[in-house]
Amino acid sequence: MPIPTGGYREVAEDLAARIKTGEYAPGERLPTYKELADLYKVSVTTVQRAIIVLQTQGLVVGLQGRGLWVAEELPRRSPS
């Protein structure tokens, strides 16, 4: 999967796709903001905004002082 080089929405979409395909499994710790910023070649602020999107979607949980984690129960897709 190519790494996007754009804004926070693209980073959020890519991380969401990685979570949904199991690259980052439920309950697994995600890389730090700094590591994600380096991976996506964006600022830490951009990563923070992307993580907020993922938290709103119920995909990621942030634990103060402990890091970012993939939610243990991922939201189900609603039938189309």
PDB file of N, CA and C in Angstrom:
ATOM      1  N   MET A   1       0.849  -1.170   0.000  1.00  0.00           N
ATOM      2  CA  MET A   1       0.000   0.000   0.000  1.00  0.00           C
ATOM      3  C   MET A   1       0.896   1.236   0.000  1.00  0.00           C
ATOM      4  N   PRO A   2       0.780   2.109  -1.019  1.00  0.00           N
ATOM      5  CA  PRO A   2       1.637   3.291  -1.049  1.00  0.00           C
ATOM      6  C   PRO A   2       1.290   4.248   0.086  1.00  0.00           C
ATOM      7  N   ILE A   3       2.290   4.927   0.572  1.00  0.00           N
ATOM      8  CA  ILE A   3       2.104   5.867   1.668  1.00  0.00           C
ATOM      9  C   ILE A   3       1.719   7.223   1.088  1.00  0.00           C
ATOM     10  N   PRO A   4       0.591   7.796   1.553  1.00  0.00           N
ATOM     11  CA  PRO A   4       0.185   9.096   1.022  1.00  0.00           C
ATOM     12  C   PRO A   4       1.129  10.189   1.486  1.00  0.00           C
ATOM     13  N   THR A   5       1.208  11.252   0.706  1.00  0.00           N
ATOM     14  CA  THR A   5       2.107  12.350   1.054  1.00  0.00           C
ATOM     15  C   THR A   5       1.336  13.649   1.223  1.00  0.00           C
ATOM     16  N   GLY A   6       0.054  13.542   1.543  1.00  0.00           N
ATOM     17  CA  GLY A   6      -0.781  14.732   1.638  1.00  0.00           C
ATOM     18  C   GLY A   6      -1.132  15.099   3.053  1.00  0.00           C
ATOM     19  N   GLY A   7      -2.338  15.585   3.208  1.00  0.00           N
ATOM     20  CA  GLY A   7      -2.800  16.109   4.472  1.00  0.00           C
ATOM     21  C   GLY A   7      -3.323  15.051   5.426  1.00  0.00           C
ATOM     22  N   TYR A   8      -3.894  15.543   6.511  1.00  0.00           N
ATOM     23  CA  TYR A   8      -4.324  14.659   7.581  1.00  0.00           C
ATOM     24  C   TYR A   8      -5.419  13.694   7.143  1.00  0.00           C
ATOM     25  N   ARG A   9      -6.274  14.092   6.207  1.00  0.00           N
ATOM     26  CA  ARG A   9      -7.337  13.191   5.747  1.00  0.00           C
ATOM     27  C   ARG A   9      -6.748  11.960   5.056  1.00  0.00           C
ATOM     28  N   GLU A  10      -5.738  12.186   4.245  1.00  0.00           N
ATOM     29  CA  GLU A  10      -5.093  11.063   3.565  1.00  0.00           C
ATOM     30  C   GLU A  10      -4.394  10.143   4.557  1.00  0.00           C
ATOM     31  N   VAL A  11      -3.738  10.726   5.555  1.00  0.00           N
ATOM     32  CA  VAL A  11      -3.082   9.922   6.582  1.00  0.00           C
ATOM     33  C   VAL A  11      -4.127   9.117   7.335  1.00  0.00           C
ATOM     34  N   ALA A  12      -5.238   9.756   7.710  1.00  0.00           N
ATOM     35  CA  ALA A  12      -6.317   9.059   8.423  1.00  0.00           C
ATOM     36  C   ALA A  12      -6.890   7.930   7.574  1.00  0.00           C
ATOM     37  N   GLU A  13      -7.119   8.183   6.290  1.00  0.00           N
ATOM     38  CA  GLU A  13      -7.659   7.148   5.405  1.00  0.00           C
ATOM     39  C   GLU A  13      -6.702   5.966   5.284  1.00  0.00           C
ATOM     40  N   ASP A  14      -5.417   6.255   5.165  1.00  0.00           N
ATOM     41  CA  ASP A  14      -4.439   5.182   5.037  1.00  0.00           C
ATOM     42  C   ASP A  14      -4.351   4.360   6.326  1.00  0.00           C
ATOM     43  N   LEU A  15      -4.299   5.033   7.460  1.00  0.00           N
ATOM     44  CA  LEU A  15      -4.244   4.306   8.732  1.00  0.00           C
ATOM     45  C   LEU A  15      -5.512   3.481   8.943  1.00  0.00           C
ATOM     46  N   ALA A  16      -6.670   4.052   8.598  1.00  0.00           N
ATOM     47  CA  ALA A  16      -7.934   3.314   8.726  1.00  0.00           C
ATOM     48  C   ALA A  16      -7.903   2.054   7.859  1.00  0.00           C
ATOM     49  N   ALA A  17      -7.386   2.185   6.642  1.00  0.00           N
ATOM     50  CA  ALA A  17      -7.290   1.028   5.749  1.00  0.00           C
ATOM     51  C   ALA A  17      -6.363  -0.033   6.338  1.00  0.00           C
ATOM     52  N   ARG A  18      -5.255   0.394   6.919  1.00  0.00           N
ATOM     53  CA  ARG A  18      -4.307  -0.538   7.528  1.00  0.00           C
ATOM     54  C   ARG A  18      -4.936  -1.256   8.728  1.00  0.00           C
ATOM     55  N   ILE A  19      -5.762  -0.539   9.481  1.00  0.00           N
ATOM     56  CA  ILE A  19      -6.450  -1.149  10.610  1.00  0.00           C
ATOM     57  C   ILE A  19      -7.486  -2.150  10.115  1.00  0.00           C
ATOM     58  N   LYS A  20      -8.259  -1.753   9.117  1.00  0.00           N
ATOM     59  CA  LYS A  20      -9.337  -2.616   8.606  1.00  0.00           C
ATOM     60  C   LYS A  20      -8.813  -3.874   7.927  1.00  0.00           C
ATOM     61  N   THR A  21      -7.599  -3.805   7.359  1.00  0.00           N
ATOM     62  CA  THR A  21      -7.029  -5.001   6.722  1.00  0.00           C
ATOM     63  C   THR A  21      -6.259  -5.865   7.709  1.00  0.00           C
ATOM     64  N   GLY A  22      -6.109  -5.370   8.951  1.00  0.00           N
ATOM     65  CA  GLY A  22      -5.431  -6.158   9.974  1.00  0.00           C
ATOM     66  C   GLY A  22      -3.943  -5.910  10.090  1.00  0.00           C
ATOM     67  N   GLU A  23      -3.419  -4.986   9.296  1.00  0.00           N
ATOM     68  CA  GLU A  23      -1.992  -4.655   9.439  1.00  0.00           C
ATOM     69  C   GLU A  23      -1.718  -4.173  10.862  1.00  0.00           C
ATOM     70  N   TYR A  24      -2.637  -3.372  11.384  1.00  0.00           N
ATOM     71  CA  TYR A  24      -2.632  -2.993  12.797  1.00  0.00           C
ATOM     72  C   TYR A  24      -3.861  -3.675  13.399  1.00  0.00           C
ATOM     73  N   ALA A  25      -3.635  -4.678  14.205  1.00  0.00           N
ATOM     74  CA  ALA A  25      -4.719  -5.515  14.736  1.00  0.00           C
ATOM     75  C   ALA A  25      -5.394  -4.873  15.943  1.00  0.00           C
ATOM     76  N   PRO A  26      -6.654  -5.261  16.218  1.00  0.00           N
ATOM     77  CA  PRO A  26      -7.334  -4.769  17.415  1.00  0.00           C
ATOM     78  C   PRO A  26      -6.497  -5.022  18.669  1.00  0.00           C
ATOM     79  N   GLY A  27      -6.395  -3.987  19.502  1.00  0.00           N
ATOM     80  CA  GLY A  27      -5.622  -4.087  20.729  1.00  0.00           C
ATOM     81  C   GLY A  27      -4.138  -3.842  20.563  1.00  0.00           C
ATOM     82  N   GLU A  28      -3.681  -3.664  19.331  1.00  0.00           N
ATOM     83  CA  GLU A  28      -2.254  -3.448  19.067  1.00  0.00           C
ATOM     84  C   GLU A  28      -1.900  -1.975  19.238  1.00  0.00           C
ATOM     85  N   ARG A  29      -0.719  -1.746  19.765  1.00  0.00           N
ATOM     86  CA  ARG A  29      -0.228  -0.377  19.921  1.00  0.00           C
ATOM     87  C   ARG A  29       0.223   0.157  18.565  1.00  0.00           C
ATOM     88  N   LEU A  30      -0.141   1.394  18.293  1.00  0.00           N
ATOM     89  CA  LEU A  30       0.294   2.058  17.065  1.00  0.00           C
ATOM     90  C   LEU A  30       1.640   2.720  17.298  1.00  0.00           C
ATOM     91  N   PRO A  31       2.351   3.029  16.216  1.00  0.00           N
ATOM     92  CA  PRO A  31       3.592   3.794  16.360  1.00  0.00           C
ATOM     93  C   PRO A  31       3.299   5.150  17.010  1.00  0.00           C
ATOM     94  N   THR A  32       4.326   5.776  17.558  1.00  0.00           N
ATOM     95  CA  THR A  32       4.183   7.094  18.183  1.00  0.00           C
ATOM     96  C   THR A  32       3.846   8.143  17.119  1.00  0.00           C
ATOM     97  N   TYR A  33       3.386   9.311  17.595  1.00  0.00           N
ATOM     98  CA  TYR A  33       3.128  10.417  16.670  1.00  0.00           C
ATOM     99  C   TYR A  33       4.370  10.712  15.836  1.00  0.00           C
ATOM    100  N   LYS A  34       5.520  10.750  16.476  1.00  0.00           N
ATOM    101  CA  LYS A  34       6.768  11.054  15.774  1.00  0.00           C
ATOM    102  C   LYS A  34       7.070   9.995  14.722  1.00  0.00           C
ATOM    103  N   GLU A  35       6.906   8.715  15.085  1.00  0.00           N
ATOM    104  CA  GLU A  35       7.164   7.636  14.123  1.00  0.00           C
ATOM    105  C   GLU A  35       6.193   7.716  12.949  1.00  0.00           C
ATOM    106  N   LEU A  36       4.926   8.012  13.228  1.00  0.00           N
ATOM    107  CA  LEU A  36       3.945   8.146  12.144  1.00  0.00           C
ATOM    108  C   LEU A  36       4.270   9.357  11.270  1.00  0.00           C
ATOM    109  N   ALA A  37       4.677  10.452  11.895  1.00  0.00           N
ATOM    110  CA  ALA A  37       5.051  11.646  11.124  1.00  0.00           C
ATOM    111  C   ALA A  37       6.223  11.338  10.193  1.00  0.00           C
ATOM    112  N   ASP A  38       7.203  10.606  10.696  1.00  0.00           N
ATOM    113  CA  ASP A  38       8.346  10.219   9.862  1.00  0.00           C
ATOM    114  C   ASP A  38       7.900   9.277   8.742  1.00  0.00           C
ATOM    115  N   LEU A  39       7.033   8.328   9.056  1.00  0.00           N
ATOM    116  CA  LEU A  39       6.548   7.362   8.069  1.00  0.00           C
ATOM    117  C   LEU A  39       5.819   8.049   6.923  1.00  0.00           C
ATOM    118  N   TYR A  40       4.931   8.994   7.281  1.00  0.00           N
ATOM    119  CA  TYR A  40       4.117   9.666   6.276  1.00  0.00           C
ATOM    120  C   TYR A  40       4.754  10.944   5.729  1.00  0.00           C
ATOM    121  N   LYS A  41       5.909  11.307   6.291  1.00  0.00           N
ATOM    122  CA  LYS A  41       6.613  12.524   5.858  1.00  0.00           C
ATOM    123  C   LYS A  41       5.715  13.755   5.992  1.00  0.00           C
ATOM    124  N   VAL A  42       5.085  13.857   7.165  1.00  0.00           N
ATOM    125  CA  VAL A  42       4.239  15.000   7.497  1.00  0.00           C
ATOM    126  C   VAL A  42       4.626  15.477   8.900  1.00  0.00           C
ATOM    127  N   SER A  43       4.026  16.564   9.348  1.00  0.00           N
ATOM    128  CA  SER A  43       4.310  17.076  10.690  1.00  0.00           C
ATOM    129  C   SER A  43       3.553  16.269  11.743  1.00  0.00           C
ATOM    130  N   VAL A  44       4.009  16.363  12.966  1.00  0.00           N
ATOM    131  CA  VAL A  44       3.330  15.706  14.086  1.00  0.00           C
ATOM    132  C   VAL A  44       1.912  16.256  14.217  1.00  0.00           C
ATOM    133  N   THR A  45       1.729  17.544  13.948  1.00  0.00           N
ATOM    134  CA  THR A  45       0.398  18.157  14.010  1.00  0.00           C
ATOM    135  C   THR A  45      -0.549  17.504  13.011  1.00  0.00           C
ATOM    136  N   THR A  46      -0.059  17.203  11.824  1.00  0.00           N
ATOM    137  CA  THR A  46      -0.872  16.531  10.815  1.00  0.00           C
ATOM    138  C   THR A  46      -1.288  15.152  11.310  1.00  0.00           C
ATOM    139  N   VAL A  47      -0.366  14.431  11.920  1.00  0.00           N
ATOM    140  CA  VAL A  47      -0.671  13.106  12.475  1.00  0.00           C
ATOM    141  C   VAL A  47      -1.696  13.235  13.602  1.00  0.00           C
ATOM    142  N   GLN A  48      -1.527  14.231  14.457  1.00  0.00           N
ATOM    143  CA  GLN A  48      -2.481  14.427  15.549  1.00  0.00           C
ATOM    144  C   GLN A  48      -3.886  14.649  15.012  1.00  0.00           C
ATOM    145  N   ARG A  49      -4.013  15.438  13.965  1.00  0.00           N
ATOM    146  CA  ARG A  49      -5.329  15.680  13.356  1.00  0.00           C
ATOM    147  C   ARG A  49      -5.890  14.396  12.757  1.00  0.00           C
ATOM    148  N   ALA A  50      -5.042  13.590  12.135  1.00  0.00           N
ATOM    149  CA  ALA A  50      -5.487  12.309  11.567  1.00  0.00           C
ATOM    150  C   ALA A  50      -5.976  11.376  12.673  1.00  0.00           C
ATOM    151  N   ILE A  51      -5.270  11.347  13.790  1.00  0.00           N
ATOM    152  CA  ILE A  51      -5.644  10.477  14.906  1.00  0.00           C
ATOM    153  C   ILE A  51      -6.990  10.902  15.489  1.00  0.00           C
ATOM    154  N   ILE A  52      -7.244  12.201  15.548  1.00  0.00           N
ATOM    155  CA  ILE A  52      -8.542  12.680  16.024  1.00  0.00           C
ATOM    156  C   ILE A  52      -9.665  12.126  15.142  1.00  0.00           C
ATOM    157  N   VAL A  53      -9.447  12.120  13.844  1.00  0.00           N
ATOM    158  CA  VAL A  53     -10.438  11.553  12.918  1.00  0.00           C
ATOM    159  C   VAL A  53     -10.669  10.079  13.248  1.00  0.00           C
ATOM    160  N   LEU A  54      -9.587   9.331  13.450  1.00  0.00           N
ATOM    161  CA  LEU A  54      -9.707   7.898  13.732  1.00  0.00           C
ATOM    162  C   LEU A  54     -10.360   7.646  15.092  1.00  0.00           C
ATOM    163  N   GLN A  55     -10.097   8.505  16.063  1.00  0.00           N
ATOM    164  CA  GLN A  55     -10.754   8.364  17.364  1.00  0.00           C
ATOM    165  C   GLN A  55     -12.249   8.612  17.228  1.00  0.00           C
ATOM    166  N   THR A  56     -12.614   9.606  16.436  1.00  0.00           N
ATOM    167  CA  THR A  56     -14.024   9.913  16.197  1.00  0.00           C
ATOM    168  C   THR A  56     -14.731   8.741  15.520  1.00  0.00           C
ATOM    169  N   GLN A  57     -14.024   8.032  14.658  1.00  0.00           N
ATOM    170  CA  GLN A  57     -14.578   6.870  13.963  1.00  0.00           C
ATOM    171  C   GLN A  57     -14.590   5.621  14.840  1.00  0.00           C
ATOM    172  N   GLY A  58     -13.982   5.710  16.019  1.00  0.00           N
ATOM    173  CA  GLY A  58     -13.950   4.569  16.924  1.00  0.00           C
ATOM    174  C   GLY A  58     -12.889   3.535  16.585  1.00  0.00           C
ATOM    175  N   LEU A  59     -11.898   3.905  15.766  1.00  0.00           N
ATOM    176  CA  LEU A  59     -10.862   2.962  15.359  1.00  0.00           C
ATOM    177  C   LEU A  59      -9.648   2.975  16.273  1.00  0.00           C
ATOM    178  N   VAL A  60      -9.392   4.121  16.921  1.00  0.00           N
ATOM    179  CA  VAL A  60      -8.186   4.299  17.718  1.00  0.00           C
ATOM    180  C   VAL A  60      -8.557   4.846  19.094  1.00  0.00           C
ATOM    181  N   VAL A  61      -7.813   4.382  20.096  1.00  0.00           N
ATOM    182  CA  VAL A  61      -7.979   4.861  21.466  1.00  0.00           C
ATOM    183  C   VAL A  61      -6.630   5.400  21.924  1.00  0.00           C
ATOM    184  N   GLY A  62      -6.645   6.604  22.478  1.00  0.00           N
ATOM    185  CA  GLY A  62      -5.425   7.180  23.034  1.00  0.00           C
ATOM    186  C   GLY A  62      -5.459   7.062  24.547  1.00  0.00           C
ATOM    187  N   LEU A  63      -4.387   6.557  25.132  1.00  0.00           N
ATOM    188  CA  LEU A  63      -4.285   6.439  26.580  1.00  0.00           C
ATOM    189  C   LEU A  63      -3.213   7.400  27.059  1.00  0.00           C
ATOM    190  N   GLN A  64      -3.608   8.362  27.868  1.00  0.00           N
ATOM    191  CA  GLN A  64      -2.708   9.412  28.341  1.00  0.00           C
ATOM    192  C   GLN A  64      -1.406   8.820  28.880  1.00  0.00           C
ATOM    193  N   GLY A  65      -0.303   9.208  28.277  1.00  0.00           N
ATOM    194  CA  GLY A  65       1.011   8.764  28.733  1.00  0.00           C
ATOM    195  C   GLY A  65       1.364   7.336  28.356  1.00  0.00           C
ATOM    196  N   ARG A  66       0.461   6.624  27.662  1.00  0.00           N
ATOM    197  CA  ARG A  66       0.727   5.227  27.311  1.00  0.00           C
ATOM    198  C   ARG A  66       0.726   4.973  25.814  1.00  0.00           C
ATOM    199  N   GLY A  67       0.208   5.907  25.030  1.00  0.00           N
ATOM    200  CA  GLY A  67       0.270   5.742  23.591  1.00  0.00           C
ATOM    201  C   GLY A  67      -1.081   5.596  22.925  1.00  0.00           C
ATOM    202  N   LEU A  68      -1.010   5.214  21.659  1.00  0.00           N
ATOM    203  CA  LEU A  68      -2.186   5.027  20.816  1.00  0.00           C
ATOM    204  C   LEU A  68      -2.385   3.544  20.565  1.00  0.00           C
ATOM    205  N   TRP A  69      -3.631   3.120  20.608  1.00  0.00           N
ATOM    206  CA  TRP A  69      -3.961   1.713  20.431  1.00  0.00           C
ATOM    207  C   TRP A  69      -5.111   1.563  19.451  1.00  0.00           C
ATOM    208  N   VAL A  70      -5.099   0.485  18.683  1.00  0.00           N
ATOM    209  CA  VAL A  70      -6.245   0.149  17.843  1.00  0.00           C
ATOM    210  C   VAL A  70      -7.352  -0.304  18.790  1.00  0.00           C
ATOM    211  N   ALA A  71      -8.554   0.187  18.563  1.00  0.00           N
ATOM    212  CA  ALA A  71      -9.688  -0.195  19.406  1.00  0.00           C
ATOM    213  C   ALA A  71      -9.836  -1.715  19.399  1.00  0.00           C
ATOM    214  N   GLU A  72     -10.153  -2.282  20.565  1.00  0.00           N
ATOM    215  CA  GLU A  72     -10.292  -3.737  20.651  1.00  0.00           C
ATOM    216  C   GLU A  72     -11.514  -4.235  19.888  1.00  0.00           C
ATOM    217  N   GLU A  73     -12.558  -3.426  19.861  1.00  0.00           N
ATOM    218  CA  GLU A  73     -13.737  -3.760  19.069  1.00  0.00           C
ATOM    219  C   GLU A  73     -13.924  -2.677  18.025  1.00  0.00           C
ATOM    220  N   LEU A  74     -13.700  -3.057  16.792  1.00  0.00           N
ATOM    221  CA  LEU A  74     -13.823  -2.103  15.712  1.00  0.00           C
ATOM    222  C   LEU A  74     -15.301  -1.914  15.355  1.00  0.00           C
ATOM    223  N   PRO A  75     -15.674  -0.693  14.975  1.00  0.00           N
ATOM    224  CA  PRO A  75     -17.066  -0.462  14.591  1.00  0.00           C
ATOM    225  C   PRO A  75     -17.434  -1.312  13.386  1.00  0.00           C
ATOM    226  N   ARG A  76     -18.647  -1.812  13.406  1.00  0.00           N
ATOM    227  CA  ARG A  76     -19.120  -2.611  12.260  1.00  0.00           C
ATOM    228  C   ARG A  76     -19.577  -1.689  11.165  1.00  0.00           C
ATOM    229  N   ARG A  77     -19.385  -2.159   9.953  1.00  0.00           N
ATOM    230  CA  ARG A  77     -19.889  -1.394   8.805  1.00  0.00           C
ATOM    231  C   ARG A  77     -21.391  -1.580   8.740  1.00  0.00           C
ATOM    232  N   SER A  78     -22.096  -0.512   8.465  1.00  0.00           N
ATOM    233  CA  SER A  78     -23.542  -0.648   8.305  1.00  0.00           C
ATOM    234  C   SER A  78     -23.830  -1.161   6.904  1.00  0.00           C
ATOM    235  N   PRO A  79     -24.856  -2.010   6.760  1.00  0.00           N
ATOM    236  CA  PRO A  79     -25.166  -2.545   5.424  1.00  0.00           C
ATOM    237  C   PRO A  79     -25.608  -1.427   4.487  1.00  0.00           C
ATOM    238  N   SER A  80     -25.175  -1.510   3.246  1.00  0.00           N
ATOM    239  CA  SER A  80     -25.490  -0.465   2.273  1.00  0.00           C
ATOM    240  C   SER A  80     -26.786  -0.756   1.581  1.00  0.00           C
TER     241      SER A  80
END
